[in-house]
Amino acid sequence: MPPNDRPGPAAPPTTLWEALALDVVERPIVAIVGGGGKTALLYRLGREAQARGVAAVLAGTTRFTPAPPGR
């Protein structure tokens, strides 16, 4: 059997930031739509941006629940 010259599968992303490849673009803009989980996703991406030292603006078009203290 000939050796396989193809590289193995890439490691899966460990953060949403990586999964969305937000470091690839100069000024990423993300719109979140759907039937549920938007607020949690918004806050998670905000925390991931903060952890990377990236300035971020989080905004919604409706009133949403503030993040719990310490999160």
PDB file of N, CA and C in Angstrom:
ATOM      1  N   MET A   1       0.850  -1.176   0.000  1.00  0.00           N
ATOM      2  CA  MET A   1       0.000   0.000   0.000  1.00  0.00           C
ATOM      3  C   MET A   1       0.896   1.239   0.000  1.00  0.00           C
ATOM      4  N   PRO A   2       0.702   2.201  -0.945  1.00  0.00           N
ATOM      5  CA  PRO A   2       1.559   3.391  -1.010  1.00  0.00           C
ATOM      6  C   PRO A   2       1.297   4.309   0.188  1.00  0.00           C
ATOM      7  N   PRO A   3       2.316   5.062   0.595  1.00  0.00           N
ATOM      8  CA  PRO A   3       2.118   5.985   1.722  1.00  0.00           C
ATOM      9  C   PRO A   3       1.148   7.098   1.346  1.00  0.00           C
ATOM     10  N   ASN A   4       0.465   7.570   2.321  1.00  0.00           N
ATOM     11  CA  ASN A   4      -0.496   8.661   2.118  1.00  0.00           C
ATOM     12  C   ASN A   4       0.243   9.983   2.275  1.00  0.00           C
ATOM     13  N   ASP A   5       0.351  10.759   1.193  1.00  0.00           N
ATOM     14  CA  ASP A   5       1.065  12.034   1.230  1.00  0.00           C
ATOM     15  C   ASP A   5       0.180  13.187   1.692  1.00  0.00           C
ATOM     16  N   ARG A   6      -1.089  12.926   1.862  1.00  0.00           N
ATOM     17  CA  ARG A   6      -1.985  13.993   2.299  1.00  0.00           C
ATOM     18  C   ARG A   6      -1.801  14.239   3.792  1.00  0.00           C
ATOM     19  N   PRO A   7      -1.878  15.518   4.202  1.00  0.00           N
ATOM     20  CA  PRO A   7      -1.779  15.794   5.639  1.00  0.00           C
ATOM     21  C   PRO A   7      -3.016  15.270   6.359  1.00  0.00           C
ATOM     22  N   GLY A   8      -2.863  14.982   7.630  1.00  0.00           N
ATOM     23  CA  GLY A   8      -3.984  14.519   8.435  1.00  0.00           C
ATOM     24  C   GLY A   8      -4.997  15.629   8.622  1.00  0.00           C
ATOM     25  N   PRO A   9      -6.123  15.306   9.225  1.00  0.00           N
ATOM     26  CA  PRO A   9      -7.148  16.337   9.429  1.00  0.00           C
ATOM     27  C   PRO A   9      -6.645  17.424  10.367  1.00  0.00           C
ATOM     28  N   ALA A  10      -7.082  18.639  10.107  1.00  0.00           N
ATOM     29  CA  ALA A  10      -6.698  19.769  10.954  1.00  0.00           C
ATOM     30  C   ALA A  10      -7.378  19.625  12.307  1.00  0.00           C
ATOM     31  N   ALA A  11      -6.724  20.142  13.323  1.00  0.00           N
ATOM     32  CA  ALA A  11      -7.327  20.118  14.655  1.00  0.00           C
ATOM     33  C   ALA A  11      -8.569  21.005  14.640  1.00  0.00           C
ATOM     34  N   PRO A  12      -9.635  20.574  15.302  1.00  0.00           N
ATOM     35  CA  PRO A  12     -10.838  21.406  15.318  1.00  0.00           C
ATOM     36  C   PRO A  12     -10.598  22.694  16.097  1.00  0.00           C
ATOM     37  N   PRO A  13     -11.309  23.751  15.734  1.00  0.00           N
ATOM     38  CA  PRO A  13     -11.135  25.009  16.473  1.00  0.00           C
ATOM     39  C   PRO A  13     -11.548  24.825  17.928  1.00  0.00           C
ATOM     40  N   THR A  14     -10.893  25.551  18.816  1.00  0.00           N
ATOM     41  CA  THR A  14     -11.210  25.430  20.238  1.00  0.00           C
ATOM     42  C   THR A  14     -12.102  26.558  20.732  1.00  0.00           C
ATOM     43  N   THR A  15     -12.269  27.615  19.933  1.00  0.00           N
ATOM     44  CA  THR A  15     -13.131  28.735  20.324  1.00  0.00           C
ATOM     45  C   THR A  15     -14.039  29.098  19.156  1.00  0.00           C
ATOM     46  N   LEU A  16     -15.111  29.795  19.464  1.00  0.00           N
ATOM     47  CA  LEU A  16     -15.974  30.297  18.395  1.00  0.00           C
ATOM     48  C   LEU A  16     -15.216  31.276  17.513  1.00  0.00           C
ATOM     49  N   TRP A  17     -14.357  32.080  18.143  1.00  0.00           N
ATOM     50  CA  TRP A  17     -13.546  33.057  17.406  1.00  0.00           C
ATOM     51  C   TRP A  17     -12.764  32.349  16.301  1.00  0.00           C
ATOM     52  N   GLU A  18     -12.141  31.225  16.658  1.00  0.00           N
ATOM     53  CA  GLU A  18     -11.373  30.459  15.664  1.00  0.00           C
ATOM     54  C   GLU A  18     -12.299  29.799  14.650  1.00  0.00           C
ATOM     55  N   ALA A  19     -13.420  29.251  15.105  1.00  0.00           N
ATOM     56  CA  ALA A  19     -14.349  28.581  14.196  1.00  0.00           C
ATOM     57  C   ALA A  19     -14.888  29.535  13.143  1.00  0.00           C
ATOM     58  N   LEU A  20     -15.096  30.788  13.534  1.00  0.00           N
ATOM     59  CA  LEU A  20     -15.586  31.795  12.592  1.00  0.00           C
ATOM     60  C   LEU A  20     -14.464  32.489  11.835  1.00  0.00           C
ATOM     61  N   ALA A  21     -13.204  32.122  12.138  1.00  0.00           N
ATOM     62  CA  ALA A  21     -12.019  32.689  11.476  1.00  0.00           C
ATOM     63  C   ALA A  21     -12.023  34.220  11.553  1.00  0.00           C
ATOM     64  N   LEU A  22     -12.334  34.759  12.727  1.00  0.00           N
ATOM     65  CA  LEU A  22     -12.431  36.208  12.869  1.00  0.00           C
ATOM     66  C   LEU A  22     -11.074  36.900  12.854  1.00  0.00           C
ATOM     67  N   ASP A  23      -9.988  36.160  13.046  1.00  0.00           N
ATOM     68  CA  ASP A  23      -8.658  36.753  12.955  1.00  0.00           C
ATOM     69  C   ASP A  23      -8.204  36.936  11.511  1.00  0.00           C
ATOM     70  N   VAL A  24      -8.930  36.362  10.578  1.00  0.00           N
ATOM     71  CA  VAL A  24      -8.531  36.406   9.169  1.00  0.00           C
ATOM     72  C   VAL A  24      -8.876  37.752   8.528  1.00  0.00           C
ATOM     73  N   VAL A  25      -9.898  38.406   9.034  1.00  0.00           N
ATOM     74  CA  VAL A  25     -10.323  39.684   8.460  1.00  0.00           C
ATOM     75  C   VAL A  25      -9.869  40.839   9.343  1.00  0.00           C
ATOM     76  N   GLU A  26      -9.688  42.011   8.746  1.00  0.00           N
ATOM     77  CA  GLU A  26      -9.172  43.157   9.494  1.00  0.00           C
ATOM     78  C   GLU A  26     -10.151  43.643  10.561  1.00  0.00           C
ATOM     79  N   ARG A  27     -11.407  43.819  10.181  1.00  0.00           N
ATOM     80  CA  ARG A  27     -12.433  44.283  11.124  1.00  0.00           C
ATOM     81  C   ARG A  27     -13.645  43.367  11.020  1.00  0.00           C
ATOM     82  N   PRO A  28     -13.653  42.291  11.790  1.00  0.00           N
ATOM     83  CA  PRO A  28     -14.775  41.353  11.671  1.00  0.00           C
ATOM     84  C   PRO A  28     -16.081  41.955  12.167  1.00  0.00           C
ATOM     85  N   ILE A  29     -17.136  41.650  11.454  1.00  0.00           N
ATOM     86  CA  ILE A  29     -18.486  42.031  11.845  1.00  0.00           C
ATOM     87  C   ILE A  29     -19.312  40.749  11.847  1.00  0.00           C
ATOM     88  N   VAL A  30     -20.015  40.511  12.955  1.00  0.00           N
ATOM     89  CA  VAL A  30     -20.821  39.305  13.078  1.00  0.00           C
ATOM     90  C   VAL A  30     -22.253  39.710  13.355  1.00  0.00           C
ATOM     91  N   ALA A  31     -23.193  39.173  12.593  1.00  0.00           N
ATOM     92  CA  ALA A  31     -24.620  39.364  12.841  1.00  0.00           C
ATOM     93  C   ALA A  31     -25.175  38.028  13.326  1.00  0.00           C
ATOM     94  N   ILE A  32     -25.950  38.076  14.395  1.00  0.00           N
ATOM     95  CA  ILE A  32     -26.494  36.860  14.990  1.00  0.00           C
ATOM     96  C   ILE A  32     -28.012  36.903  14.857  1.00  0.00           C
ATOM     97  N   VAL A  33     -28.569  35.906  14.185  1.00  0.00           N
ATOM     98  CA  VAL A  33     -30.018  35.831  13.996  1.00  0.00           C
ATOM     99  C   VAL A  33     -30.479  34.420  14.335  1.00  0.00           C
ATOM    100  N   GLY A  34     -31.757  34.269  14.594  1.00  0.00           N
ATOM    101  CA  GLY A  34     -32.289  32.939  14.831  1.00  0.00           C
ATOM    102  C   GLY A  34     -33.291  32.912  15.963  1.00  0.00           C
ATOM    103  N   GLY A  35     -33.682  31.704  16.314  1.00  0.00           N
ATOM    104  CA  GLY A  35     -34.750  31.514  17.275  1.00  0.00           C
ATOM    105  C   GLY A  35     -34.329  31.366  18.719  1.00  0.00           C
ATOM    106  N   GLY A  36     -33.055  31.300  19.009  1.00  0.00           N
ATOM    107  CA  GLY A  36     -32.641  31.159  20.399  1.00  0.00           C
ATOM    108  C   GLY A  36     -31.138  31.118  20.532  1.00  0.00           C
ATOM    109  N   GLY A  37     -30.647  31.550  21.689  1.00  0.00           N
ATOM    110  CA  GLY A  37     -29.214  31.485  21.968  1.00  0.00           C
ATOM    111  C   GLY A  37     -28.410  32.678  21.499  1.00  0.00           C
ATOM    112  N   LYS A  38     -29.075  33.686  20.968  1.00  0.00           N
ATOM    113  CA  LYS A  38     -28.339  34.842  20.426  1.00  0.00           C
ATOM    114  C   LYS A  38     -27.594  35.611  21.511  1.00  0.00           C
ATOM    115  N   THR A  39     -28.251  35.846  22.637  1.00  0.00           N
ATOM    116  CA  THR A  39     -27.617  36.613  23.710  1.00  0.00           C
ATOM    117  C   THR A  39     -26.406  35.865  24.255  1.00  0.00           C
ATOM    118  N   ALA A  40     -26.545  34.572  24.490  1.00  0.00           N
ATOM    119  CA  ALA A  40     -25.427  33.767  24.992  1.00  0.00           C
ATOM    120  C   ALA A  40     -24.266  33.792  24.006  1.00  0.00           C
ATOM    121  N   LEU A  41     -24.561  33.682  22.715  1.00  0.00           N
ATOM    122  CA  LEU A  41     -23.521  33.720  21.692  1.00  0.00           C
ATOM    123  C   LEU A  41     -22.851  35.092  21.654  1.00  0.00           C
ATOM    124  N   LEU A  42     -23.646  36.150  21.744  1.00  0.00           N
ATOM    125  CA  LEU A  42     -23.109  37.511  21.749  1.00  0.00           C
ATOM    126  C   LEU A  42     -22.115  37.689  22.896  1.00  0.00           C
ATOM    127  N   TYR A  43     -22.523  37.289  24.094  1.00  0.00           N
ATOM    128  CA  TYR A  43     -21.637  37.437  25.249  1.00  0.00           C
ATOM    129  C   TYR A  43     -20.407  36.541  25.150  1.00  0.00           C
ATOM    130  N   ARG A  44     -20.571  35.337  24.619  1.00  0.00           N
ATOM    131  CA  ARG A  44     -19.406  34.448  24.478  1.00  0.00           C
ATOM    132  C   ARG A  44     -18.379  35.043  23.521  1.00  0.00           C
ATOM    133  N   LEU A  45     -18.840  35.546  22.391  1.00  0.00           N
ATOM    134  CA  LEU A  45     -17.901  36.169  21.451  1.00  0.00           C
ATOM    135  C   LEU A  45     -17.253  37.401  22.072  1.00  0.00           C
ATOM    136  N   GLY A  46     -18.004  38.149  22.873  1.00  0.00           N
ATOM    137  CA  GLY A  46     -17.424  39.301  23.573  1.00  0.00           C
ATOM    138  C   GLY A  46     -16.336  38.875  24.546  1.00  0.00           C
ATOM    139  N   ARG A  47     -16.577  37.802  25.307  1.00  0.00           N
ATOM    140  CA  ARG A  47     -15.553  37.302  26.235  1.00  0.00           C
ATOM    141  C   ARG A  47     -14.322  36.801  25.484  1.00  0.00           C
ATOM    142  N   GLU A  48     -14.543  36.124  24.364  1.00  0.00           N
ATOM    143  CA  GLU A  48     -13.412  35.630  23.579  1.00  0.00           C
ATOM    144  C   GLU A  48     -12.608  36.792  22.989  1.00  0.00           C
ATOM    145  N   ALA A  49     -13.277  37.846  22.543  1.00  0.00           N
ATOM    146  CA  ALA A  49     -12.569  39.022  22.035  1.00  0.00           C
ATOM    147  C   ALA A  49     -11.744  39.639  23.156  1.00  0.00           C
ATOM    148  N   GLN A  50     -12.340  39.784  24.334  1.00  0.00           N
ATOM    149  CA  GLN A  50     -11.631  40.346  25.483  1.00  0.00           C
ATOM    150  C   GLN A  50     -10.416  39.504  25.844  1.00  0.00           C
ATOM    151  N   ALA A  51     -10.558  38.198  25.832  1.00  0.00           N
ATOM    152  CA  ALA A  51      -9.446  37.305  26.157  1.00  0.00           C
ATOM    153  C   ALA A  51      -8.295  37.450  25.162  1.00  0.00           C
ATOM    154  N   ARG A  52      -8.608  37.846  23.939  1.00  0.00           N
ATOM    155  CA  ARG A  52      -7.589  38.040  22.902  1.00  0.00           C
ATOM    156  C   ARG A  52      -7.053  39.465  22.882  1.00  0.00           C
ATOM    157  N   GLY A  53      -7.608  40.330  23.726  1.00  0.00           N
ATOM    158  CA  GLY A  53      -7.178  41.726  23.746  1.00  0.00           C
ATOM    159  C   GLY A  53      -7.735  42.526  22.583  1.00  0.00           C
ATOM    160  N   VAL A  54      -8.839  42.075  22.028  1.00  0.00           N
ATOM    161  CA  VAL A  54      -9.456  42.734  20.880  1.00  0.00           C
ATOM    162  C   VAL A  54     -10.599  43.621  21.378  1.00  0.00           C
ATOM    163  N   ALA A  55     -10.604  44.880  20.963  1.00  0.00           N
ATOM    164  CA  ALA A  55     -11.711  45.767  21.304  1.00  0.00           C
ATOM    165  C   ALA A  55     -12.954  45.321  20.538  1.00  0.00           C
ATOM    166  N   ALA A  56     -14.087  45.302  21.228  1.00  0.00           N
ATOM    167  CA  ALA A  56     -15.320  44.846  20.587  1.00  0.00           C
ATOM    168  C   ALA A  56     -16.489  45.700  21.040  1.00  0.00           C
ATOM    169  N   VAL A  57     -17.440  45.867  20.158  1.00  0.00           N
ATOM    170  CA  VAL A  57     -18.695  46.527  20.476  1.00  0.00           C
ATOM    171  C   VAL A  57     -19.780  45.464  20.366  1.00  0.00           C
ATOM    172  N   LEU A  58     -20.541  45.291  21.443  1.00  0.00           N
ATOM    173  CA  LEU A  58     -21.647  44.337  21.432  1.00  0.00           C
ATOM    174  C   LEU A  58     -22.937  45.136  21.420  1.00  0.00           C
ATOM    175  N   ALA A  59     -23.803  44.856  20.466  1.00  0.00           N
ATOM    176  CA  ALA A  59     -25.047  45.615  20.362  1.00  0.00           C
ATOM    177  C   ALA A  59     -26.169  44.697  19.916  1.00  0.00           C
ATOM    178  N   GLY A  60     -27.346  44.997  20.406  1.00  0.00           N
ATOM    179  CA  GLY A  60     -28.535  44.260  19.997  1.00  0.00           C
ATOM    180  C   GLY A  60     -29.566  45.216  19.449  1.00  0.00           C
ATOM    181  N   THR A  61     -30.525  44.680  18.725  1.00  0.00           N
ATOM    182  CA  THR A  61     -31.580  45.518  18.170  1.00  0.00           C
ATOM    183  C   THR A  61     -32.821  45.489  19.049  1.00  0.00           C
ATOM    184  N   THR A  62     -32.794  44.668  20.087  1.00  0.00           N
ATOM    185  CA  THR A  62     -33.886  44.620  21.054  1.00  0.00           C
ATOM    186  C   THR A  62     -33.282  44.640  22.450  1.00  0.00           C
ATOM    187  N   ARG A  63     -34.110  44.792  23.450  1.00  0.00           N
ATOM    188  CA  ARG A  63     -33.615  44.743  24.821  1.00  0.00           C
ATOM    189  C   ARG A  63     -33.232  43.302  25.127  1.00  0.00           C
ATOM    190  N   PHE A  64     -32.055  43.117  25.704  1.00  0.00           N
ATOM    191  CA  PHE A  64     -31.655  41.759  26.062  1.00  0.00           C
ATOM    192  C   PHE A  64     -31.123  41.726  27.479  1.00  0.00           C
ATOM    193  N   THR A  65     -31.048  40.529  28.018  1.00  0.00           N
ATOM    194  CA  THR A  65     -30.655  40.320  29.405  1.00  0.00           C
ATOM    195  C   THR A  65     -29.200  40.664  29.622  1.00  0.00           C
ATOM    196  N   PRO A  66     -28.885  41.507  30.630  1.00  0.00           N
ATOM    197  CA  PRO A  66     -27.477  41.801  30.932  1.00  0.00           C
ATOM    198  C   PRO A  66     -26.746  40.538  31.364  1.00  0.00           C
ATOM    199  N   ALA A  67     -25.461  40.502  31.108  1.00  0.00           N
ATOM    200  CA  ALA A  67     -24.644  39.362  31.541  1.00  0.00           C
ATOM    201  C   ALA A  67     -24.633  39.313  33.058  1.00  0.00           C
ATOM    202  N   PRO A  68     -24.681  38.096  33.632  1.00  0.00           N
ATOM    203  CA  PRO A  68     -24.604  37.979  35.084  1.00  0.00           C
ATOM    204  C   PRO A  68     -23.271  38.522  35.596  1.00  0.00           C
ATOM    205  N   PRO A  69     -23.235  39.040  36.841  1.00  0.00           N
ATOM    206  CA  PRO A  69     -21.985  39.543  37.395  1.00  0.00           C
ATOM    207  C   PRO A  69     -20.892  38.489  37.341  1.00  0.00           C
ATOM    208  N   GLY A  70     -19.684  38.936  37.008  1.00  0.00           N
ATOM    209  CA  GLY A  70     -18.537  38.030  36.951  1.00  0.00           C
ATOM    210  C   GLY A  70     -18.424  37.217  35.695  1.00  0.00           C
ATOM    211  N   ARG A  71     -19.247  37.484  34.713  1.00  0.00           N
ATOM    212  CA  ARG A  71     -19.180  36.699  33.469  1.00  0.00           C
ATOM    213  C   ARG A  71     -18.825  37.578  32.321  1.00  0.00           C
TER     214      ARG A  71
END
